[in-house]
PDB file of N, CA and C in Angstrom:
ATOM      1  N   UNK A   1       0.884  -0.538  -0.058  1.00  0.00           N
ATOM      2  CA  UNK A   1       0.134   0.087   0.043  1.00  0.00           C
ATOM      3  C   UNK A   1       0.908   0.987  -0.271  1.00  0.00           C
ATOM      4  N   UNK A   2       0.767   2.368  -0.939  1.00  0.00           N
ATOM      5  CA  UNK A   2       1.348   3.338  -1.262  1.00  0.00           C
ATOM      6  C   UNK A   2       1.071   4.289  -0.239  1.00  0.00           C
ATOM      7  N   UNK A   3       1.955   5.640   0.639  1.00  0.00           N
ATOM      8  CA  UNK A   3       1.416   5.976   1.854  1.00  0.00           C
ATOM      9  C   UNK A   3       0.033   7.282   1.434  1.00  0.00           C
ATOM     10  N   UNK A   4       0.055   7.490  -0.113  1.00  0.00           N
ATOM     11  CA  UNK A   4      -1.346   8.117  -0.664  1.00  0.00           C
ATOM     12  C   UNK A   4      -2.490   7.210   0.501  1.00  0.00           C
ATOM     13  N   UNK A   5      -2.294   5.716  -0.317  1.00  0.00           N
ATOM     14  CA  UNK A   5      -3.505   4.757  -0.085  1.00  0.00           C
ATOM     15  C   UNK A   5      -4.046   4.639   1.232  1.00  0.00           C
ATOM     16  N   UNK A   6      -2.787   4.128   2.399  1.00  0.00           N
ATOM     17  CA  UNK A   6      -2.839   4.840   3.620  1.00  0.00           C
ATOM     18  C   UNK A   6      -3.621   5.943   4.523  1.00  0.00           C
ATOM     19  N   UNK A   7      -3.148   7.404   3.709  1.00  0.00           N
ATOM     20  CA  UNK A   7      -3.673   8.290   4.101  1.00  0.00           C
ATOM     21  C   UNK A   7      -5.344   8.201   3.608  1.00  0.00           C
ATOM     22  N   UNK A   8      -5.865   7.470   2.269  1.00  0.00           N
ATOM     23  CA  UNK A   8      -6.459   8.260   2.399  1.00  0.00           C
ATOM     24  C   UNK A   8      -7.767   6.984   3.138  1.00  0.00           C
ATOM     25  N   UNK A   9      -7.303   5.056   3.908  1.00  0.00           N
ATOM     26  CA  UNK A   9      -7.810   4.653   4.886  1.00  0.00           C
ATOM     27  C   UNK A   9      -7.733   5.360   5.780  1.00  0.00           C
ATOM     28  N   UNK A  10      -7.174   6.562   5.639  1.00  0.00           N
ATOM     29  CA  UNK A  10      -7.358   6.979   7.176  1.00  0.00           C
ATOM     30  C   UNK A  10      -7.953   7.805   7.080  1.00  0.00           C
ATOM     31  N   UNK A  11      -8.971   9.212   5.942  1.00  0.00           N
ATOM     32  CA  UNK A  11      -9.755  10.014   5.956  1.00  0.00           C
ATOM     33  C   UNK A  11     -10.863   8.944   5.984  1.00  0.00           C
ATOM     34  N   UNK A  12     -11.309   7.692   5.406  1.00  0.00           N
ATOM     35  CA  UNK A  12     -12.116   7.623   4.813  1.00  0.00           C
ATOM     36  C   UNK A  12     -13.276   7.165   5.810  1.00  0.00           C
ATOM     37  N   UNK A  13     -12.731   7.280   6.566  1.00  0.00           N
ATOM     38  CA  UNK A  13     -13.820   6.702   8.295  1.00  0.00           C
ATOM     39  C   UNK A  13     -14.214   8.408   8.780  1.00  0.00           C
ATOM     40  N   UNK A  14     -13.083   8.933   9.297  1.00  0.00           N
ATOM     41  CA  UNK A  14     -13.410  11.016   9.519  1.00  0.00           C
ATOM     42  C   UNK A  14     -14.228  11.499   8.199  1.00  0.00           C
ATOM     43  N   UNK A  15     -14.359  10.854   6.439  1.00  0.00           N
ATOM     44  CA  UNK A  15     -15.411  11.698   6.228  1.00  0.00           C
ATOM     45  C   UNK A  15     -15.924  10.777   6.442  1.00  0.00           C
ATOM     46  N   UNK A  16     -17.375   9.148   6.104  1.00  0.00           N
ATOM     47  CA  UNK A  16     -18.014   8.973   6.410  1.00  0.00           C
ATOM     48  C   UNK A  16     -18.816   8.907   7.936  1.00  0.00           C
ATOM     49  N   UNK A  17     -18.514   9.130   8.860  1.00  0.00           N
ATOM     50  CA  UNK A  17     -18.209   9.807  10.069  1.00  0.00           C
ATOM     51  C   UNK A  17     -19.496  10.702   9.915  1.00  0.00           C
ATOM     52  N   UNK A  18     -18.916  12.162   9.377  1.00  0.00           N
ATOM     53  CA  UNK A  18     -19.341  13.796   8.910  1.00  0.00           C
ATOM     54  C   UNK A  18     -20.352  13.028   7.781  1.00  0.00           C
ATOM     55  N   UNK A  19     -20.528  13.141   6.627  1.00  0.00           N
ATOM     56  CA  UNK A  19     -20.775  13.120   5.624  1.00  0.00           C
ATOM     57  C   UNK A  19     -21.555  12.252   5.868  1.00  0.00           C
ATOM     58  N   UNK A  20     -21.282  11.242   4.808  1.00  0.00           N
ATOM     59  CA  UNK A  20     -22.553   9.680   4.792  1.00  0.00           C
ATOM     60  C   UNK A  20     -21.476   8.470   4.605  1.00  0.00           C
ATOM     61  N   UNK A  21     -21.927   7.384   5.479  1.00  0.00           N
ATOM     62  CA  UNK A  21     -22.243   6.625   5.399  1.00  0.00           C
ATOM     63  C   UNK A  21     -21.638   5.606   5.017  1.00  0.00           C
ATOM     64  N   UNK A  22     -22.224   5.075   4.561  1.00  0.00           N
ATOM     65  CA  UNK A  22     -22.081   4.658   3.229  1.00  0.00           C
ATOM     66  C   UNK A  22     -21.355   5.087   1.069  1.00  0.00           C
ATOM     67  N   UNK A  23     -19.656   6.570   2.063  1.00  0.00           N
ATOM     68  CA  UNK A  23     -18.958   7.006   0.958  1.00  0.00           C
ATOM     69  C   UNK A  23     -18.579   5.973   0.609  1.00  0.00           C
ATOM     70  N   UNK A  24     -18.103   6.433   0.051  1.00  0.00           N
ATOM     71  CA  UNK A  24     -16.580   5.323  -1.047  1.00  0.00           C
ATOM     72  C   UNK A  24     -15.514   6.174  -1.413  1.00  0.00           C
ATOM     73  N   UNK A  25     -14.495   7.130  -0.923  1.00  0.00           N
ATOM     74  CA  UNK A  25     -13.688   7.955  -0.952  1.00  0.00           C
ATOM     75  C   UNK A  25     -12.646   7.601  -1.802  1.00  0.00           C
ATOM     76  N   UNK A  26     -12.200   8.745  -2.782  1.00  0.00           N
ATOM     77  CA  UNK A  26     -10.783   7.979  -3.830  1.00  0.00           C
ATOM     78  C   UNK A  26     -10.473   9.752  -4.518  1.00  0.00           C
ATOM     79  N   UNK A  27      -9.697   8.947  -4.125  1.00  0.00           N
ATOM     80  CA  UNK A  27      -8.168  10.437  -4.454  1.00  0.00           C
ATOM     81  C   UNK A  27      -9.516  11.748  -5.692  1.00  0.00           C
ATOM     82  N   UNK A  28     -10.102  11.045  -7.074  1.00  0.00           N
ATOM     83  CA  UNK A  28     -10.048  12.735  -7.381  1.00  0.00           C
ATOM     84  C   UNK A  28     -12.235  13.432  -6.682  1.00  0.00           C
ATOM     85  N   UNK A  29     -12.672  12.574  -5.583  1.00  0.00           N
ATOM     86  CA  UNK A  29     -13.894  12.866  -4.763  1.00  0.00           C
ATOM     87  C   UNK A  29     -13.471  14.561  -4.423  1.00  0.00           C
ATOM     88  N   UNK A  30     -14.506  15.108  -5.254  1.00  0.00           N
ATOM     89  CA  UNK A  30     -15.293  16.902  -5.169  1.00  0.00           C
ATOM     90  C   UNK A  30     -16.275  16.687  -4.189  1.00  0.00           C
ATOM     91  N   UNK A  31     -16.463  18.327  -2.765  1.00  0.00           N
ATOM     92  CA  UNK A  31     -17.169  17.972  -3.138  1.00  0.00           C
ATOM     93  C   UNK A  31     -19.033  18.828  -3.593  1.00  0.00           C
ATOM     94  N   UNK A  32     -18.612  19.269  -5.006  1.00  0.00           N
ATOM     95  CA  UNK A  32     -19.459  18.757  -6.112  1.00  0.00           C
ATOM     96  C   UNK A  32     -20.014  17.334  -6.804  1.00  0.00           C
ATOM     97  N   UNK A  33     -19.687  16.653  -5.891  1.00  0.00           N
ATOM     98  CA  UNK A  33     -20.332  15.171  -6.466  1.00  0.00           C
ATOM     99  C   UNK A  33     -20.972  14.479  -4.921  1.00  0.00           C
ATOM    100  N   UNK A  34     -20.646  15.420  -4.118  1.00  0.00           N
ATOM    101  CA  UNK A  34     -21.708  14.456  -3.149  1.00  0.00           C
ATOM    102  C   UNK A  34     -22.418  15.645  -2.331  1.00  0.00           C
ATOM    103  N   UNK A  35     -23.738  15.347  -2.640  1.00  0.00           N
ATOM    104  CA  UNK A  35     -24.881  16.541  -2.299  1.00  0.00           C
ATOM    105  C   UNK A  35     -25.110  16.750  -0.509  1.00  0.00           C
ATOM    106  N   UNK A  36     -23.983  15.700   0.299  1.00  0.00           N
ATOM    107  CA  UNK A  36     -23.963  15.560   1.995  1.00  0.00           C
ATOM    108  C   UNK A  36     -22.822  16.909   1.719  1.00  0.00           C
ATOM    109  N   UNK A  37     -22.732  17.121   1.039  1.00  0.00           N
ATOM    110  CA  UNK A  37     -21.170  17.893   1.308  1.00  0.00           C
ATOM    111  C   UNK A  37     -20.926  19.142   0.872  1.00  0.00           C
ATOM    112  N   UNK A  38     -21.134  19.914   1.936  1.00  0.00           N
ATOM    113  CA  UNK A  38     -21.651  21.264   2.268  1.00  0.00           C
ATOM    114  C   UNK A  38     -21.035  21.613   3.282  1.00  0.00           C
ATOM    115  N   UNK A  39     -21.124  23.061   3.401  1.00  0.00           N
ATOM    116  CA  UNK A  39     -20.658  24.412   3.567  1.00  0.00           C
ATOM    117  C   UNK A  39     -20.258  23.689   5.868  1.00  0.00           C
ATOM    118  N   UNK A  40     -21.535  23.972   5.782  1.00  0.00           N
ATOM    119  CA  UNK A  40     -21.191  22.715   7.508  1.00  0.00           C
ATOM    120  C   UNK A  40     -20.169  21.639   7.555  1.00  0.00           C
ATOM    121  N   UNK A  41     -20.686  20.922   6.646  1.00  0.00           N
ATOM    122  CA  UNK A  41     -20.125  19.301   6.907  1.00  0.00           C
ATOM    123  C   UNK A  41     -18.049  19.686   6.460  1.00  0.00           C
ATOM    124  N   UNK A  42     -18.163  20.510   5.659  1.00  0.00           N
ATOM    125  CA  UNK A  42     -17.474  20.543   5.495  1.00  0.00           C
ATOM    126  C   UNK A  42     -15.820  21.368   6.531  1.00  0.00           C
ATOM    127  N   UNK A  43     -16.538  21.614   6.925  1.00  0.00           N
ATOM    128  CA  UNK A  43     -16.596  22.780   8.501  1.00  0.00           C
ATOM    129  C   UNK A  43     -15.617  21.940   9.556  1.00  0.00           C
ATOM    130  N   UNK A  44     -16.944  20.915   9.548  1.00  0.00           N
ATOM    131  CA  UNK A  44     -16.856  20.032  10.833  1.00  0.00           C
ATOM    132  C   UNK A  44     -16.115  18.635  10.021  1.00  0.00           C
ATOM    133  N   UNK A  45     -15.934  18.453   8.366  1.00  0.00           N
ATOM    134  CA  UNK A  45     -15.155  17.373   8.472  1.00  0.00           C
ATOM    135  C   UNK A  45     -13.416  18.378   8.766  1.00  0.00           C
ATOM    136  N   UNK A  46     -13.210  19.375   8.742  1.00  0.00           N
ATOM    137  CA  UNK A  46     -11.305  19.844   8.939  1.00  0.00           C
ATOM    138  C   UNK A  46     -11.479  20.228  10.257  1.00  0.00           C
ATOM    139  N   UNK A  47     -12.324  20.066  11.012  1.00  0.00           N
ATOM    140  CA  UNK A  47     -12.132  19.828  12.405  1.00  0.00           C
ATOM    141  C   UNK A  47     -11.958  18.556  13.172  1.00  0.00           C
ATOM    142  N   UNK A  48     -12.291  17.314  12.517  1.00  0.00           N
ATOM    143  CA  UNK A  48     -12.535  16.077  12.773  1.00  0.00           C
ATOM    144  C   UNK A  48     -10.997  15.395  12.383  1.00  0.00           C
ATOM    145  N   UNK A  49     -10.837  16.510  10.900  1.00  0.00           N
ATOM    146  CA  UNK A  49      -8.810  15.240  10.427  1.00  0.00           C
ATOM    147  C   UNK A  49      -7.776  16.505  11.120  1.00  0.00           C
ATOM    148  N   UNK A  50      -8.422  17.333  12.273  1.00  0.00           N
ATOM    149  CA  UNK A  50      -7.670  18.310  12.242  1.00  0.00           C
ATOM    150  C   UNK A  50      -7.269  16.574  13.779  1.00  0.00           C
ATOM    151  N   UNK A  51      -8.811  17.245  14.709  1.00  0.00           N
ATOM    152  CA  UNK A  51      -7.687  16.216  15.865  1.00  0.00           C
ATOM    153  C   UNK A  51      -8.012  15.426  16.272  1.00  0.00           C
ATOM    154  N   UNK A  52      -8.416  14.513  14.785  1.00  0.00           N
ATOM    155  CA  UNK A  52      -7.736  12.595  14.383  1.00  0.00           C
ATOM    156  C   UNK A  52      -6.676  12.370  14.248  1.00  0.00           C
ATOM    157  N   UNK A  53      -6.001  13.490  13.466  1.00  0.00           N
ATOM    158  CA  UNK A  53      -4.967  12.681  12.919  1.00  0.00           C
ATOM    159  C   UNK A  53      -4.073  13.739  13.403  1.00  0.00           C
ATOM    160  N   UNK A  54      -4.409  14.773  14.512  1.00  0.00           N
ATOM    161  CA  UNK A  54      -3.330  15.282  14.760  1.00  0.00           C
ATOM    162  C   UNK A  54      -2.294  16.446  14.391  1.00  0.00           C
ATOM    163  N   UNK A  55      -3.600  17.593  13.628  1.00  0.00           N
ATOM    164  CA  UNK A  55      -2.754  17.859  12.121  1.00  0.00           C
ATOM    165  C   UNK A  55      -3.503  19.907  12.507  1.00  0.00           C
ATOM    166  N   UNK A  56      -2.878  20.594  12.375  1.00  0.00           N
ATOM    167  CA  UNK A  56      -3.265  21.744  11.564  1.00  0.00           C
ATOM    168  C   UNK A  56      -3.775  22.131  10.420  1.00  0.00           C
ATOM    169  N   UNK A  57      -4.949  22.779  10.137  1.00  0.00           N
ATOM    170  CA  UNK A  57      -4.480  22.653   8.822  1.00  0.00           C
ATOM    171  C   UNK A  57      -5.011  24.491   8.134  1.00  0.00           C
ATOM    172  N   UNK A  58      -4.366  25.664   7.379  1.00  0.00           N
ATOM    173  CA  UNK A  58      -4.714  26.796   7.670  1.00  0.00           C
ATOM    174  C   UNK A  58      -6.131  27.576   7.313  1.00  0.00           C
ATOM    175  N   UNK A  59      -6.733  28.410   7.150  1.00  0.00           N
ATOM    176  CA  UNK A  59      -7.080  28.944   6.101  1.00  0.00           C
ATOM    177  C   UNK A  59      -7.102  28.604   4.715  1.00  0.00           C
ATOM    178  N   UNK A  60      -6.156  29.209   3.852  1.00  0.00           N
ATOM    179  CA  UNK A  60      -5.110  29.317   3.156  1.00  0.00           C
ATOM    180  C   UNK A  60      -5.279  28.186   2.420  1.00  0.00           C
ATOM    181  N   UNK A  61      -4.744  27.213   3.159  1.00  0.00           N
ATOM    182  CA  UNK A  61      -4.100  25.934   3.070  1.00  0.00           C
ATOM    183  C   UNK A  61      -5.669  25.188   2.999  1.00  0.00           C
ATOM    184  N   UNK A  62      -6.464  25.531   3.358  1.00  0.00           N
ATOM    185  CA  UNK A  62      -7.523  24.683   3.121  1.00  0.00           C
ATOM    186  C   UNK A  62      -9.143  24.915   1.936  1.00  0.00           C
ATOM    187  N   UNK A  63      -8.482  26.584   1.634  1.00  0.00           N
ATOM    188  CA  UNK A  63      -9.152  27.068   0.037  1.00  0.00           C
ATOM    189  C   UNK A  63      -8.654  27.092  -1.544  1.00  0.00           C
ATOM    190  N   UNK A  64      -7.378  25.870  -1.316  1.00  0.00           N
ATOM    191  CA  UNK A  64      -7.222  25.876  -2.260  1.00  0.00           C
ATOM    192  C   UNK A  64      -6.871  24.124  -2.786  1.00  0.00           C
ATOM    193  N   UNK A  65      -7.609  23.961  -2.006  1.00  0.00           N
ATOM    194  CA  UNK A  65      -8.083  21.742  -1.918  1.00  0.00           C
ATOM    195  C   UNK A  65      -9.485  21.938  -2.858  1.00  0.00           C
ATOM    196  N   UNK A  66      -9.152  21.069  -4.235  1.00  0.00           N
ATOM    197  CA  UNK A  66     -10.034  21.241  -4.952  1.00  0.00           C
ATOM    198  C   UNK A  66     -10.871  19.727  -5.493  1.00  0.00           C
ATOM    199  N   UNK A  67      -9.812  19.156  -4.338  1.00  0.00           N
ATOM    200  CA  UNK A  67     -10.557  17.591  -3.985  1.00  0.00           C
ATOM    201  C   UNK A  67      -9.872  16.617  -3.289  1.00  0.00           C
ATOM    202  N   UNK A  68      -9.952  15.325  -3.201  1.00  0.00           N
ATOM    203  CA  UNK A  68      -9.398  14.775  -1.754  1.00  0.00           C
ATOM    204  C   UNK A  68      -8.135  14.399  -2.081  1.00  0.00           C
ATOM    205  N   UNK A  69      -7.861  14.515  -3.774  1.00  0.00           N
ATOM    206  CA  UNK A  69      -6.396  14.302  -3.713  1.00  0.00           C
ATOM    207  C   UNK A  69      -5.032  15.251  -3.535  1.00  0.00           C
ATOM    208  N   UNK A  70      -5.439  16.250  -3.416  1.00  0.00           N
ATOM    209  CA  UNK A  70      -4.961  17.771  -2.878  1.00  0.00           C
ATOM    210  C   UNK A  70      -4.700  17.856  -1.557  1.00  0.00           C
ATOM    211  N   UNK A  71      -6.326  16.825  -0.509  1.00  0.00           N
ATOM    212  CA  UNK A  71      -5.837  16.986   0.573  1.00  0.00           C
ATOM    213  C   UNK A  71      -5.490  16.304   0.574  1.00  0.00           C
ATOM    214  N   UNK A  72      -5.194  14.670   0.331  1.00  0.00           N
ATOM    215  CA  UNK A  72      -3.778  14.367   0.682  1.00  0.00           C
ATOM    216  C   UNK A  72      -2.635  14.338   0.463  1.00  0.00           C
ATOM    217  N   UNK A  73      -2.409  14.579  -0.678  1.00  0.00           N
ATOM    218  CA  UNK A  73      -1.099  15.569  -0.890  1.00  0.00           C
ATOM    219  C   UNK A  73      -0.919  16.687   0.557  1.00  0.00           C
ATOM    220  N   UNK A  74      -1.949  17.862   0.958  1.00  0.00           N
ATOM    221  CA  UNK A  74      -1.372  17.987   1.678  1.00  0.00           C
ATOM    222  C   UNK A  74      -0.935  18.158   2.660  1.00  0.00           C
ATOM    223  N   UNK A  75      -1.368  16.907   3.738  1.00  0.00           N
ATOM    224  CA  UNK A  75      -2.042  15.508   4.813  1.00  0.00           C
ATOM    225  C   UNK A  75      -0.893  15.327   5.002  1.00  0.00           C
ATOM    226  N   UNK A  76       0.171  15.054   3.853  1.00  0.00           N
ATOM    227  CA  UNK A  76       1.700  13.658   3.530  1.00  0.00           C
ATOM    228  C   UNK A  76       2.823  14.654   4.044  1.00  0.00           C
ATOM    229  N   UNK A  77       2.290  16.349   3.020  1.00  0.00           N
ATOM    230  CA  UNK A  77       3.048  17.293   4.090  1.00  0.00           C
ATOM    231  C   UNK A  77       3.172  18.057   5.142  1.00  0.00           C
ATOM    232  N   UNK A  78       3.007  17.933   5.571  1.00  0.00           N
ATOM    233  CA  UNK A  78       2.140  17.865   7.715  1.00  0.00           C
ATOM    234  C   UNK A  78       2.555  16.418   7.668  1.00  0.00           C
ATOM    235  N   UNK A  79       2.805  15.609   7.646  1.00  0.00           N
ATOM    236  CA  UNK A  79       3.872  14.451   7.876  1.00  0.00           C
ATOM    237  C   UNK A  79       2.713  13.486   8.817  1.00  0.00           C
ATOM    238  N   UNK A  80       1.861  13.944   8.294  1.00  0.00           N
ATOM    239  CA  UNK A  80      -0.119  12.088   8.089  1.00  0.00           C
ATOM    240  C   UNK A  80       0.863  10.922   7.176  1.00  0.00           C
ATOM    241  N   UNK A  81       0.945   9.973   7.286  1.00  0.00           N
ATOM    242  CA  UNK A  81       1.592   8.914   7.125  1.00  0.00           C
ATOM    243  C   UNK A  81       1.031   7.856   8.072  1.00  0.00           C
ATOM    244  N   UNK A  82       1.944   6.432   6.838  1.00  0.00           N
ATOM    245  CA  UNK A  82       1.016   5.488   7.748  1.00  0.00           C
ATOM    246  C   UNK A  82       0.690   5.446   9.351  1.00  0.00           C
TER     247      UNK A  82
END
């Protein structure tokens, strides 16, 4: 399993807990594809990711993200690993 896959596997239960229990997380997924991924759930998602993965994400970093792949890259840059 690659480092990216490991981070994705850490993220999937967080996304499922906040947005949709049946969500299958993939790197090309973005909020426009998930009806329940609205602005409120996005904030909750960020807080959960920060708490569960022990990372701090800035507003500027988050504003530049276009999909899950870019989130995985950002988390890896911040030291999140398998």
